[in-house]
C-alpha atoms as a PDB file:
ATOM      1  CA  UNK A   1     -10.031  -5.904   5.987  1.00  0.00           C
ATOM      2  CA  UNK A   2      -6.522  -5.535   4.568  1.00  0.00           C
ATOM      3  CA  UNK A   3      -6.349  -5.336   0.836  1.00  0.00           C
ATOM      4  CA  UNK A   4      -4.584  -8.462  -0.450  1.00  0.00           C
ATOM      5  CA  UNK A   5      -2.619  -6.465  -3.042  1.00  0.00           C
ATOM      6  CA  UNK A   6      -1.263  -3.953  -0.456  1.00  0.00           C
ATOM      7  CA  UNK A   7       2.546  -4.225  -0.554  1.00  0.00           C
ATOM      8  CA  UNK A   8       2.873  -6.295  -3.803  1.00  0.00           C
ATOM      9  CA  UNK A   9       5.630  -5.248  -6.167  1.00  0.00           C
ATOM     10  CA  UNK A  10       7.231  -6.796  -9.208  1.00  0.00           C
ATOM     11  CA  UNK A  11       9.519  -8.733  -6.813  1.00  0.00           C
ATOM     12  CA  UNK A  12       7.238  -9.873  -4.077  1.00  0.00           C
ATOM     13  CA  UNK A  13       3.581 -10.857  -3.363  1.00  0.00           C
ATOM     14  CA  UNK A  14       2.267 -10.115   0.075  1.00  0.00           C
ATOM     15  CA  UNK A  15      -0.773 -11.565   1.731  1.00  0.00           C
ATOM     16  CA  UNK A  16      -2.540 -11.119   5.096  1.00  0.00           C
ATOM     17  CA  UNK A  17      -4.584 -13.876   6.709  1.00  0.00           C
ATOM     18  CA  UNK A  18      -6.375 -14.904   9.863  1.00  0.00           C
ATOM     19  CA  UNK A  19      -5.320 -18.580  10.473  1.00  0.00           C
ATOM     20  CA  UNK A  20      -6.257 -21.266  12.905  1.00  0.00           C
ATOM     21  CA  UNK A  21      -3.503 -22.880  14.962  1.00  0.00           C
ATOM     22  CA  UNK A  22      -3.524 -25.782  12.557  1.00  0.00           C
ATOM     23  CA  UNK A  23      -2.717 -23.286   9.722  1.00  0.00           C
ATOM     24  CA  UNK A  24      -6.133 -23.235   8.011  1.00  0.00           C
ATOM     25  CA  UNK A  25      -6.843 -19.824   6.641  1.00  0.00           C
ATOM     26  CA  UNK A  26     -10.105 -18.437   7.852  1.00  0.00           C
ATOM     27  CA  UNK A  27     -10.144 -14.902   6.372  1.00  0.00           C
ATOM     28  CA  UNK A  28      -8.190 -11.676   5.830  1.00  0.00           C
ATOM     29  CA  UNK A  29      -6.285  -9.797   8.532  1.00  0.00           C
ATOM     30  CA  UNK A  30      -7.542  -6.284   9.540  1.00  0.00           C
ATOM     31  CA  UNK A  31      -5.798  -2.978   9.589  1.00  0.00           C
ATOM     32  CA  UNK A  32      -6.485  -0.729  12.620  1.00  0.00           C
ATOM     33  CA  UNK A  33      -5.754   2.971  12.841  1.00  0.00           C
ATOM     34  CA  UNK A  34      -6.189   3.711  16.551  1.00  0.00           C
ATOM     35  CA  UNK A  35      -5.680   2.453  20.096  1.00  0.00           C
ATOM     36  CA  UNK A  36      -2.391   0.477  19.337  1.00  0.00           C
ATOM     37  CA  UNK A  37       0.143   2.756  20.938  1.00  0.00           C
ATOM     38  CA  UNK A  38       2.445   5.017  19.031  1.00  0.00           C
ATOM     39  CA  UNK A  39       2.097   3.083  15.700  1.00  0.00           C
ATOM     40  CA  UNK A  40      -0.159   4.933  13.135  1.00  0.00           C
ATOM     41  CA  UNK A  41      -1.866   1.691  12.061  1.00  0.00           C
ATOM     42  CA  UNK A  42      -1.306  -2.012  12.690  1.00  0.00           C
ATOM     43  CA  UNK A  43      -2.286  -5.307  11.137  1.00  0.00           C
ATOM     44  CA  UNK A  44      -4.391  -7.441  13.608  1.00  0.00           C
ATOM     45  CA  UNK A  45      -6.292 -10.671  13.136  1.00  0.00           C
ATOM     46  CA  UNK A  46      -9.414 -12.314  14.526  1.00  0.00           C
ATOM     47  CA  UNK A  47     -11.334 -11.439  17.609  1.00  0.00           C
ATOM     48  CA  UNK A  48     -10.438 -11.282  21.363  1.00  0.00           C
ATOM     49  CA  UNK A  49     -10.247 -14.813  22.782  1.00  0.00           C
ATOM     50  CA  UNK A  50     -11.070 -16.593  19.558  1.00  0.00           C
ATOM     51  CA  UNK A  51      -7.618 -18.256  19.244  1.00  0.00           C
ATOM     52  CA  UNK A  52      -6.999 -16.809  15.798  1.00  0.00           C
ATOM     53  CA  UNK A  53      -3.473 -16.217  14.638  1.00  0.00           C
ATOM     54  CA  UNK A  54      -2.402 -13.388  12.415  1.00  0.00           C
ATOM     55  CA  UNK A  55      -0.169 -14.159   9.499  1.00  0.00           C
ATOM     56  CA  UNK A  56       1.706 -12.124   6.875  1.00  0.00           C
ATOM     57  CA  UNK A  57       3.194 -14.082   3.932  1.00  0.00           C
ATOM     58  CA  UNK A  58       5.877 -12.313   1.854  1.00  0.00           C
ATOM     59  CA  UNK A  59       6.599 -14.479  -1.122  1.00  0.00           C
ATOM     60  CA  UNK A  60       9.413 -13.714  -3.621  1.00  0.00           C
ATOM     61  CA  UNK A  61       8.349 -13.775  -7.252  1.00  0.00           C
ATOM     62  CA  UNK A  62      10.290 -15.869  -9.851  1.00  0.00           C
ATOM     63  CA  UNK A  63      13.877 -14.915  -9.965  1.00  0.00           C
ATOM     64  CA  UNK A  64      13.897 -13.011  -6.640  1.00  0.00           C
ATOM     65  CA  UNK A  65      14.776 -13.734  -3.112  1.00  0.00           C
ATOM     66  CA  UNK A  66      13.934 -11.747   0.058  1.00  0.00           C
ATOM     67  CA  UNK A  67      15.404 -11.386   3.465  1.00  0.00           C
ATOM     68  CA  UNK A  68      13.289 -10.096   6.397  1.00  0.00           C
ATOM     69  CA  UNK A  69      15.157  -7.377   8.296  1.00  0.00           C
ATOM     70  CA  UNK A  70      12.723  -6.468  11.155  1.00  0.00           C
ATOM     71  CA  UNK A  71       9.191  -5.429  12.100  1.00  0.00           C
ATOM     72  CA  UNK A  72       7.401  -3.514  14.937  1.00  0.00           C
ATOM     73  CA  UNK A  73       4.700  -4.991  17.247  1.00  0.00           C
ATOM     74  CA  UNK A  74       2.480  -3.402  19.915  1.00  0.00           C
ATOM     75  CA  UNK A  75      -0.399  -4.306  22.183  1.00  0.00           C
ATOM     76  CA  UNK A  76      -3.901  -2.845  22.213  1.00  0.00           C
ATOM     77  CA  UNK A  77      -4.399   0.049  24.617  1.00  0.00           C
ATOM     78  CA  UNK A  78      -5.028  -1.192  28.246  1.00  0.00           C
ATOM     79  CA  UNK A  79      -3.652  -4.557  27.357  1.00  0.00           C
ATOM     80  CA  UNK A  80      -0.054  -5.634  27.954  1.00  0.00           C
ATOM     81  CA  UNK A  81      -0.141  -8.969  26.158  1.00  0.00           C
ATOM     82  CA  UNK A  82       2.830 -11.345  25.711  1.00  0.00           C
ATOM     83  CA  UNK A  83       2.501 -12.139  22.149  1.00  0.00           C
ATOM     84  CA  UNK A  84       3.818 -15.360  20.668  1.00  0.00           C
ATOM     85  CA  UNK A  85       5.585 -14.478  17.402  1.00  0.00           C
ATOM     86  CA  UNK A  86       7.143 -16.807  14.857  1.00  0.00           C
ATOM     87  CA  UNK A  87       9.047 -16.159  11.623  1.00  0.00           C
ATOM     88  CA  UNK A  88       8.969 -19.158   9.277  1.00  0.00           C
ATOM     89  CA  UNK A  89      10.253 -19.996   5.851  1.00  0.00           C
ATOM     90  CA  UNK A  90       7.732 -21.111   3.284  1.00  0.00           C
ATOM     91  CA  UNK A  91       8.309 -24.800   4.247  1.00  0.00           C
ATOM     92  CA  UNK A  92       7.306 -24.059   7.777  1.00  0.00           C
ATOM     93  CA  UNK A  93      10.784 -24.161   9.279  1.00  0.00           C
ATOM     94  CA  UNK A  94      11.038 -21.790  12.307  1.00  0.00           C
ATOM     95  CA  UNK A  95      13.643 -19.098  11.852  1.00  0.00           C
ATOM     96  CA  UNK A  96      12.743 -16.992  14.924  1.00  0.00           C
ATOM     97  CA  UNK A  97      10.276 -17.764  17.614  1.00  0.00           C
ATOM     98  CA  UNK A  98       9.399 -16.781  21.065  1.00  0.00           C
ATOM     99  CA  UNK A  99       6.963 -14.972  23.318  1.00  0.00           C
ATOM    100  CA  UNK A 100       7.465 -11.251  23.267  1.00  0.00           C
ATOM    101  CA  UNK A 101       6.112  -8.578  25.539  1.00  0.00           C
ATOM    102  CA  UNK A 102       4.238  -5.873  23.588  1.00  0.00           C
ATOM    103  CA  UNK A 103       4.252  -3.427  26.516  1.00  0.00           C
ATOM    104  CA  UNK A 104       1.414  -1.436  27.813  1.00  0.00           C
ATOM    105  CA  UNK A 105      -0.128  -0.505  24.509  1.00  0.00           C
ATOM    106  CA  UNK A 106       1.586   2.943  24.524  1.00  0.00           C
ATOM    107  CA  UNK A 107       4.907   2.254  22.817  1.00  0.00           C
ATOM    108  CA  UNK A 108       5.923  -0.437  20.212  1.00  0.00           C
ATOM    109  CA  UNK A 109       8.725  -2.951  20.309  1.00  0.00           C
ATOM    110  CA  UNK A 110      10.763  -4.127  17.413  1.00  0.00           C
ATOM    111  CA  UNK A 111      12.004  -7.529  16.498  1.00  0.00           C
ATOM    112  CA  UNK A 112      15.211  -7.697  14.431  1.00  0.00           C
ATOM    113  CA  UNK A 113      15.402 -10.924  12.236  1.00  0.00           C
ATOM    114  CA  UNK A 114      17.958 -10.465   9.505  1.00  0.00           C
ATOM    115  CA  UNK A 115      17.135 -13.708   7.831  1.00  0.00           C
ATOM    116  CA  UNK A 116      19.000 -15.283   4.918  1.00  0.00           C
ATOM    117  CA  UNK A 117      17.681 -14.646   1.390  1.00  0.00           C
ATOM    118  CA  UNK A 118      14.774 -17.081   0.864  1.00  0.00           C
ATOM    119  CA  UNK A 119      11.928 -17.702  -1.470  1.00  0.00           C
ATOM    120  CA  UNK A 120       9.517 -16.318   1.092  1.00  0.00           C
ATOM    121  CA  UNK A 121       8.839 -15.404   4.780  1.00  0.00           C
ATOM    122  CA  UNK A 122       5.880 -15.996   7.005  1.00  0.00           C
ATOM    123  CA  UNK A 123       5.273 -13.804  10.094  1.00  0.00           C
ATOM    124  CA  UNK A 124       2.793 -15.398  12.567  1.00  0.00           C
ATOM    125  CA  UNK A 125       1.519 -14.039  15.852  1.00  0.00           C
ATOM    126  CA  UNK A 126      -1.150 -14.984  18.368  1.00  0.00           C
ATOM    127  CA  UNK A 127      -3.406 -16.672  19.442  1.00  0.00           C
ATOM    128  CA  UNK A 128      -5.749 -13.905  20.114  1.00  0.00           C
ATOM    129  CA  UNK A 129      -4.002 -11.765  17.466  1.00  0.00           C
ATOM    130  CA  UNK A 130      -6.463  -8.879  17.839  1.00  0.00           C
ATOM    131  CA  UNK A 131      -4.889  -7.751  21.100  1.00  0.00           C
ATOM    132  CA  UNK A 132      -1.523  -7.218  19.475  1.00  0.00           C
ATOM    133  CA  UNK A 133      -0.606  -5.837  16.095  1.00  0.00           C
ATOM    134  CA  UNK A 134       2.349  -5.627  13.724  1.00  0.00           C
ATOM    135  CA  UNK A 135       3.535  -2.859  11.430  1.00  0.00           C
ATOM    136  CA  UNK A 136       6.686  -1.533   9.519  1.00  0.00           C
ATOM    137  CA  UNK A 137       7.700  -4.841   8.119  1.00  0.00           C
ATOM    138  CA  UNK A 138      11.042  -4.278   6.457  1.00  0.00           C
ATOM    139  CA  UNK A 139      12.728  -6.660   4.066  1.00  0.00           C
ATOM    140  CA  UNK A 140      15.368  -6.624   1.447  1.00  0.00           C
ATOM    141  CA  UNK A 141      14.995  -7.914  -2.077  1.00  0.00           C
ATOM    142  CA  UNK A 142      17.889  -9.597  -3.955  1.00  0.00           C
ATOM    143  CA  UNK A 143      17.883  -8.770  -7.641  1.00  0.00           C
ATOM    144  CA  UNK A 144      16.520 -11.153 -10.184  1.00  0.00           C
ATOM    145  CA  UNK A 145      18.872 -14.097 -10.506  1.00  0.00           C
ATOM    146  CA  UNK A 146      18.771 -15.529 -14.076  1.00  0.00           C
ATOM    147  CA  UNK A 147      17.433 -19.052 -14.332  1.00  0.00           C
ATOM    148  CA  UNK A 148      19.991 -21.810 -15.399  1.00  0.00           C
ATOM    149  CA  UNK A 149      18.250 -22.051 -18.784  1.00  0.00           C
ATOM    150  CA  UNK A 150      18.940 -18.193 -19.202  1.00  0.00           C
ATOM    151  CA  UNK A 151      22.483 -18.583 -18.323  1.00  0.00           C
ATOM    152  CA  UNK A 152      22.924 -21.479 -20.855  1.00  0.00           C
ATOM    153  CA  UNK A 153      21.327 -19.302 -23.533  1.00  0.00           C
ATOM    154  CA  UNK A 154      23.654 -16.400 -22.758  1.00  0.00           C
ATOM    155  CA  UNK A 155      26.763 -18.704 -22.803  1.00  0.00           C
ATOM    156  CA  UNK A 156      25.708 -20.277 -26.195  1.00  0.00           C
ATOM    157  CA  UNK A 157      25.064 -16.783 -27.594  1.00  0.00           C
ATOM    158  CA  UNK A 158      28.530 -15.376 -26.459  1.00  0.00           C
ATOM    159  CA  UNK A 159      30.041 -18.530 -27.957  1.00  0.00           C
ATOM    160  CA  UNK A 160      28.300 -18.063 -31.170  1.00  0.00           C
ATOM    161  CA  UNK A 161      29.379 -14.481 -31.479  1.00  0.00           C
ATOM    162  CA  UNK A 162      32.974 -15.405 -30.618  1.00  0.00           C
ATOM    163  CA  UNK A 163      33.024 -18.182 -33.204  1.00  0.00           C
ATOM    164  CA  UNK A 164      31.632 -15.759 -35.865  1.00  0.00           C
ATOM    165  CA  UNK A 165      34.425 -13.159 -35.025  1.00  0.00           C
ATOM    166  CA  UNK A 166      37.109 -15.846 -35.146  1.00  0.00           C
ATOM    167  CA  UNK A 167      35.684 -17.153 -38.538  1.00  0.00           C
ATOM    168  CA  UNK A 168      35.860 -13.545 -39.958  1.00  0.00           C
ATOM    169  CA  UNK A 169      39.409 -13.036 -38.766  1.00  0.00           C
ATOM    170  CA  UNK A 170      40.596 -16.421 -40.285  1.00  0.00           C
ATOM    171  CA  UNK A 171      38.901 -15.680 -43.761  1.00  0.00           C
ATOM    172  CA  UNK A 172      39.586 -12.070 -44.763  1.00  0.00           C
ATOM    173  CA  UNK A 173      37.301 -12.334 -47.876  1.00  0.00           C
ATOM    174  CA  UNK A 174      34.342 -13.101 -45.659  1.00  0.00           C
ATOM    175  CA  UNK A 175      34.913  -9.805 -43.762  1.00  0.00           C
ATOM    176  CA  UNK A 176      34.675  -7.872 -47.119  1.00  0.00           C
ATOM    177  CA  UNK A 177      31.462  -9.479 -48.258  1.00  0.00           C
END
């Protein structure tokens, strides 16, 4: 089983699930170290022919946004599955989708996404997500963007400092006190 804290940072929360086609989470995805071609370890989900989808959710924490750049996928040795893959935003809108060949299980393929900066990304593959795995998910984090209330407080603070300096210039006795 994949640890649900793997990949978490101050900017993002990453989770790994087995899901049914209707989106119901039925468990955690697994990490395998062998028999998936030239990748050292891959993330898979479910069991062969159970219809399970694999899902990785990368959610930006408050004040951050992320953009998915790319990821690798590969088939299990002796399989050459065509693997349905989708990249979704957190609302379920499809950003990228299609059926991709994973090859013979000896070499991986890559899918470039280059999504816009969003609150989160979902990568979903399968059904039968155990015969294909993904790895090397690359994303970019956009720095913390201050909340509107923070901007308002900063503007008020700068205005207060400016008013104080202007008041001291207009009243020279106040500057000596």
